[in-house]
Amino acid sequence: MSTEVLSVRIRKELKKEAERLNINVKNVVEKALAEAIEQAKRKKLSEAINTLLLEMGKSLKMNG
């Protein structure tokens, strides 16, 4: 798996608190980004399905 460098600015107090609590920021960011991507994909798919169903309904009314 290849990786990419990502630079992000966060509030200083968040960074200090994460360090104090031994939170692995890289893992948190990767997990949050993966979840956001999955959510966006699901939304896009849902919208496409809804559009298709609407078009099918229009088609059925015109032909039925």
C-alpha atoms as a PDB file:
ATOM      1  CA  MET A   1       0.000   0.000   0.000  1.00  0.00           C
ATOM      2  CA  SER A   2       1.459   3.350  -0.980  1.00  0.00           C
ATOM      3  CA  THR A   3       1.085   6.399   1.201  1.00  0.00           C
ATOM      4  CA  GLU A   4       0.809  10.124   0.670  1.00  0.00           C
ATOM      5  CA  VAL A   5       1.940  12.966   2.910  1.00  0.00           C
ATOM      6  CA  LEU A   6      -0.914  15.173   4.112  1.00  0.00           C
ATOM      7  CA  SER A   7      -0.290  18.353   6.044  1.00  0.00           C
ATOM      8  CA  VAL A   8      -3.102  19.537   8.304  1.00  0.00           C
ATOM      9  CA  ARG A   9      -3.221  22.383  10.781  1.00  0.00           C
ATOM     10  CA  ILE A  10      -5.088  21.740  14.006  1.00  0.00           C
ATOM     11  CA  ARG A  11      -5.561  23.763  17.150  1.00  0.00           C
ATOM     12  CA  LYS A  12      -2.497  23.652  19.376  1.00  0.00           C
ATOM     13  CA  GLU A  13      -4.527  22.513  22.406  1.00  0.00           C
ATOM     14  CA  LEU A  14      -5.908  19.540  20.460  1.00  0.00           C
ATOM     15  CA  LYS A  15      -2.401  18.450  19.489  1.00  0.00           C
ATOM     16  CA  LYS A  16      -1.135  18.795  23.046  1.00  0.00           C
ATOM     17  CA  GLU A  17      -4.112  16.894  24.474  1.00  0.00           C
ATOM     18  CA  ALA A  18      -3.698  14.119  21.901  1.00  0.00           C
ATOM     19  CA  GLU A  19      -0.023  13.811  22.796  1.00  0.00           C
ATOM     20  CA  ARG A  20      -0.824  13.803  26.516  1.00  0.00           C
ATOM     21  CA  LEU A  21      -3.352  11.007  25.996  1.00  0.00           C
ATOM     22  CA  ASN A  22      -1.064   9.058  23.637  1.00  0.00           C
ATOM     23  CA  ILE A  23      -3.571   9.270  20.797  1.00  0.00           C
ATOM     24  CA  ASN A  24      -2.198   8.202  17.429  1.00  0.00           C
ATOM     25  CA  VAL A  25      -3.357  11.147  15.313  1.00  0.00           C
ATOM     26  CA  LYS A  26      -2.412   9.416  12.049  1.00  0.00           C
ATOM     27  CA  ASN A  27      -4.714   6.489  12.830  1.00  0.00           C
ATOM     28  CA  VAL A  28      -7.541   8.796  13.899  1.00  0.00           C
ATOM     29  CA  VAL A  29      -7.246  10.871  10.720  1.00  0.00           C
ATOM     30  CA  GLU A  30      -7.068   7.800   8.457  1.00  0.00           C
ATOM     31  CA  LYS A  31     -10.112   6.236  10.112  1.00  0.00           C
ATOM     32  CA  ALA A  32     -12.137   9.474  10.023  1.00  0.00           C
ATOM     33  CA  LEU A  33     -11.245  10.090   6.380  1.00  0.00           C
ATOM     34  CA  ALA A  34     -12.112   6.512   5.396  1.00  0.00           C
ATOM     35  CA  GLU A  35     -15.486   6.850   7.144  1.00  0.00           C
ATOM     36  CA  ALA A  36     -16.184  10.222   5.481  1.00  0.00           C
ATOM     37  CA  ILE A  37     -15.354   8.745   2.065  1.00  0.00           C
ATOM     38  CA  GLU A  38     -17.627   5.756   2.661  1.00  0.00           C
ATOM     39  CA  GLN A  39     -20.453   8.039   3.794  1.00  0.00           C
ATOM     40  CA  ALA A  40     -20.039  10.255   0.702  1.00  0.00           C
ATOM     41  CA  LYS A  41     -20.073   7.195  -1.587  1.00  0.00           C
ATOM     42  CA  ARG A  42     -23.241   5.892   0.054  1.00  0.00           C
ATOM     43  CA  LYS A  43     -24.928   9.285  -0.309  1.00  0.00           C
ATOM     44  CA  LYS A  44     -23.966   9.492  -3.975  1.00  0.00           C
ATOM     45  CA  LEU A  45     -25.233   5.955  -4.619  1.00  0.00           C
ATOM     46  CA  SER A  46     -28.479   6.674  -2.773  1.00  0.00           C
ATOM     47  CA  GLU A  47     -29.035   9.811  -4.842  1.00  0.00           C
ATOM     48  CA  ALA A  48     -28.374   7.893  -8.062  1.00  0.00           C
ATOM     49  CA  ILE A  49     -30.825   5.162  -7.039  1.00  0.00           C
ATOM     50  CA  ASN A  50     -33.489   7.733  -6.140  1.00  0.00           C
ATOM     51  CA  THR A  51     -33.023   9.480  -9.494  1.00  0.00           C
ATOM     52  CA  LEU A  52     -33.295   6.167 -11.315  1.00  0.00           C
ATOM     53  CA  LEU A  53     -36.443   5.212  -9.420  1.00  0.00           C
ATOM     54  CA  LEU A  54     -38.033   8.577 -10.200  1.00  0.00           C
ATOM     55  CA  GLU A  55     -37.222   8.172 -13.885  1.00  0.00           C
ATOM     56  CA  MET A  56     -38.619   4.638 -13.867  1.00  0.00           C
ATOM     57  CA  GLY A  57     -41.797   5.914 -12.252  1.00  0.00           C
ATOM     58  CA  LYS A  58     -42.178   8.612 -14.900  1.00  0.00           C
ATOM     59  CA  SER A  59     -41.578   6.030 -17.621  1.00  0.00           C
ATOM     60  CA  LEU A  60     -44.198   3.678 -16.189  1.00  0.00           C
ATOM     61  CA  LYS A  61     -46.793   6.473 -16.013  1.00  0.00           C
ATOM     62  CA  MET A  62     -46.129   7.476 -19.624  1.00  0.00           C
ATOM     63  CA  ASN A  63     -46.245   3.897 -20.919  1.00  0.00           C
ATOM     64  CA  GLY A  64     -48.821   2.490 -18.579  1.00  0.00           C
END
